[in-house]
Amino acid sequence: MTTARGPRRAEGWTAGVRERLGLGRLLPLGDPADGVWIAETAAASVLRGAAARPGAVLGELRIGLAVEAVPGEDAVAA
């Protein structure tokens, strides 16, 4: 147990809770100002459920931050 005070103490505590719950990384949805996040394992669960349809095949699943989108360009490489 730590007696340190300050903003880093809360970050360590929340990271420890996320690790114990097995949530994985927290990933932002939208802009940072939106304040909307999703746990990596929750996103993986939803994507796997969506792929569990007849005829759908899910290969390797990688979840991470997207590169900054540039207006007028495709977000997904061809």
C-alpha atoms as a PDB file:
ATOM      1  CA  MET A   1       0.000   0.000   0.000  1.00  0.00           C
ATOM      2  CA  THR A   2       1.277   3.438  -0.869  1.00  0.00           C
ATOM      3  CA  THR A   3       0.866   6.635   1.069  1.00  0.00           C
ATOM      4  CA  ALA A   4       1.995   8.835  -1.799  1.00  0.00           C
ATOM      5  CA  ARG A   5      -0.347  11.598  -2.830  1.00  0.00           C
ATOM      6  CA  GLY A   6      -0.786  13.031  -6.287  1.00  0.00           C
ATOM      7  CA  PRO A   7      -2.225  12.296  -9.720  1.00  0.00           C
ATOM      8  CA  ARG A   8       0.137   9.374 -10.432  1.00  0.00           C
ATOM      9  CA  ARG A   9      -1.278   7.472  -7.447  1.00  0.00           C
ATOM     10  CA  ALA A  10      -4.756   7.349  -9.034  1.00  0.00           C
ATOM     11  CA  GLU A  11      -3.334   6.233 -12.376  1.00  0.00           C
ATOM     12  CA  GLY A  12      -1.528   3.332 -10.760  1.00  0.00           C
ATOM     13  CA  TRP A  13      -4.611   2.341  -8.779  1.00  0.00           C
ATOM     14  CA  THR A  14      -6.929   2.352 -11.806  1.00  0.00           C
ATOM     15  CA  ALA A  15      -4.372   0.460 -13.895  1.00  0.00           C
ATOM     16  CA  GLY A  16      -4.179  -2.163 -11.149  1.00  0.00           C
ATOM     17  CA  VAL A  17      -7.963  -2.531 -11.087  1.00  0.00           C
ATOM     18  CA  ARG A  18      -8.115  -2.851 -14.893  1.00  0.00           C
ATOM     19  CA  GLU A  19      -5.391  -5.501 -14.781  1.00  0.00           C
ATOM     20  CA  ARG A  20      -7.167  -7.522 -12.103  1.00  0.00           C
ATOM     21  CA  LEU A  21     -10.477  -7.339 -13.993  1.00  0.00           C
ATOM     22  CA  GLY A  22      -8.776  -8.337 -17.236  1.00  0.00           C
ATOM     23  CA  LEU A  23     -10.153  -5.390 -19.215  1.00  0.00           C
ATOM     24  CA  GLY A  24      -7.013  -4.802 -21.243  1.00  0.00           C
ATOM     25  CA  ARG A  25      -6.117  -1.368 -22.507  1.00  0.00           C
ATOM     26  CA  LEU A  26      -8.657   1.446 -22.591  1.00  0.00           C
ATOM     27  CA  LEU A  27      -9.097   2.719 -26.131  1.00  0.00           C
ATOM     28  CA  PRO A  28     -10.637   6.101 -26.991  1.00  0.00           C
ATOM     29  CA  LEU A  29     -13.730   6.276 -29.170  1.00  0.00           C
ATOM     30  CA  GLY A  30     -13.783   9.537 -31.066  1.00  0.00           C
ATOM     31  CA  ASP A  31     -11.814  12.595 -30.056  1.00  0.00           C
ATOM     32  CA  PRO A  32     -10.150  12.953 -26.650  1.00  0.00           C
ATOM     33  CA  ALA A  33     -12.643  15.709 -25.809  1.00  0.00           C
ATOM     34  CA  ASP A  34     -15.513  13.213 -26.234  1.00  0.00           C
ATOM     35  CA  GLY A  35     -14.469  11.339 -23.099  1.00  0.00           C
ATOM     36  CA  VAL A  36     -15.717   8.008 -24.477  1.00  0.00           C
ATOM     37  CA  TRP A  37     -13.568   4.904 -24.007  1.00  0.00           C
ATOM     38  CA  ILE A  38     -13.942   1.158 -24.493  1.00  0.00           C
ATOM     39  CA  ALA A  39     -12.000  -1.654 -22.879  1.00  0.00           C
ATOM     40  CA  GLU A  40      -9.938  -3.709 -25.301  1.00  0.00           C
ATOM     41  CA  THR A  41     -11.555  -6.983 -24.211  1.00  0.00           C
ATOM     42  CA  ALA A  42     -15.067  -5.532 -24.595  1.00  0.00           C
ATOM     43  CA  ALA A  43     -14.286  -4.436 -28.152  1.00  0.00           C
ATOM     44  CA  ALA A  44     -12.825  -7.858 -28.954  1.00  0.00           C
ATOM     45  CA  SER A  45     -15.902  -9.592 -27.555  1.00  0.00           C
ATOM     46  CA  VAL A  46     -18.271  -7.485 -29.667  1.00  0.00           C
ATOM     47  CA  LEU A  47     -16.201  -7.985 -32.820  1.00  0.00           C
ATOM     48  CA  ARG A  48     -15.979 -11.742 -32.271  1.00  0.00           C
ATOM     49  CA  GLY A  49     -19.739 -11.886 -31.700  1.00  0.00           C
ATOM     50  CA  ALA A  50     -20.379  -9.963 -34.909  1.00  0.00           C
ATOM     51  CA  ALA A  51     -18.123 -12.355 -36.815  1.00  0.00           C
ATOM     52  CA  ALA A  52     -19.903 -15.421 -35.392  1.00  0.00           C
ATOM     53  CA  ARG A  53     -22.343 -15.495 -38.284  1.00  0.00           C
ATOM     54  CA  PRO A  54     -22.804 -18.192 -40.886  1.00  0.00           C
ATOM     55  CA  GLY A  55     -20.154 -17.796 -43.559  1.00  0.00           C
ATOM     56  CA  ALA A  56     -18.058 -15.289 -41.600  1.00  0.00           C
ATOM     57  CA  VAL A  57     -14.472 -16.172 -40.756  1.00  0.00           C
ATOM     58  CA  LEU A  58     -12.474 -14.217 -38.210  1.00  0.00           C
ATOM     59  CA  GLY A  59      -8.725 -14.435 -38.468  1.00  0.00           C
ATOM     60  CA  GLU A  60      -6.288 -12.714 -36.162  1.00  0.00           C
ATOM     61  CA  LEU A  61      -7.859  -9.853 -34.239  1.00  0.00           C
ATOM     62  CA  ARG A  62      -5.718  -6.822 -33.456  1.00  0.00           C
ATOM     63  CA  ILE A  63      -7.173  -3.801 -31.729  1.00  0.00           C
ATOM     64  CA  GLY A  64      -5.304  -0.553 -31.349  1.00  0.00           C
ATOM     65  CA  LEU A  65      -5.282   3.131 -32.000  1.00  0.00           C
ATOM     66  CA  ALA A  66      -5.882   4.251 -35.564  1.00  0.00           C
ATOM     67  CA  VAL A  67      -3.577   6.690 -37.257  1.00  0.00           C
ATOM     68  CA  GLU A  68      -4.853  10.235 -37.466  1.00  0.00           C
ATOM     69  CA  ALA A  69      -7.392  10.456 -40.286  1.00  0.00           C
ATOM     70  CA  VAL A  70      -6.778  12.937 -43.073  1.00  0.00           C
ATOM     71  CA  PRO A  71      -9.927  14.425 -44.649  1.00  0.00           C
ATOM     72  CA  GLY A  72     -10.452  13.120 -48.168  1.00  0.00           C
ATOM     73  CA  GLU A  73      -8.303  10.010 -47.712  1.00  0.00           C
ATOM     74  CA  ASP A  74      -9.466   6.455 -47.088  1.00  0.00           C
ATOM     75  CA  ALA A  75      -9.075   5.379 -43.465  1.00  0.00           C
ATOM     76  CA  VAL A  76      -8.342   1.800 -44.548  1.00  0.00           C
ATOM     77  CA  ALA A  77      -5.454   1.013 -46.870  1.00  0.00           C
ATOM     78  CA  ALA A  78      -6.469  -0.570 -50.158  1.00  0.00           C
END
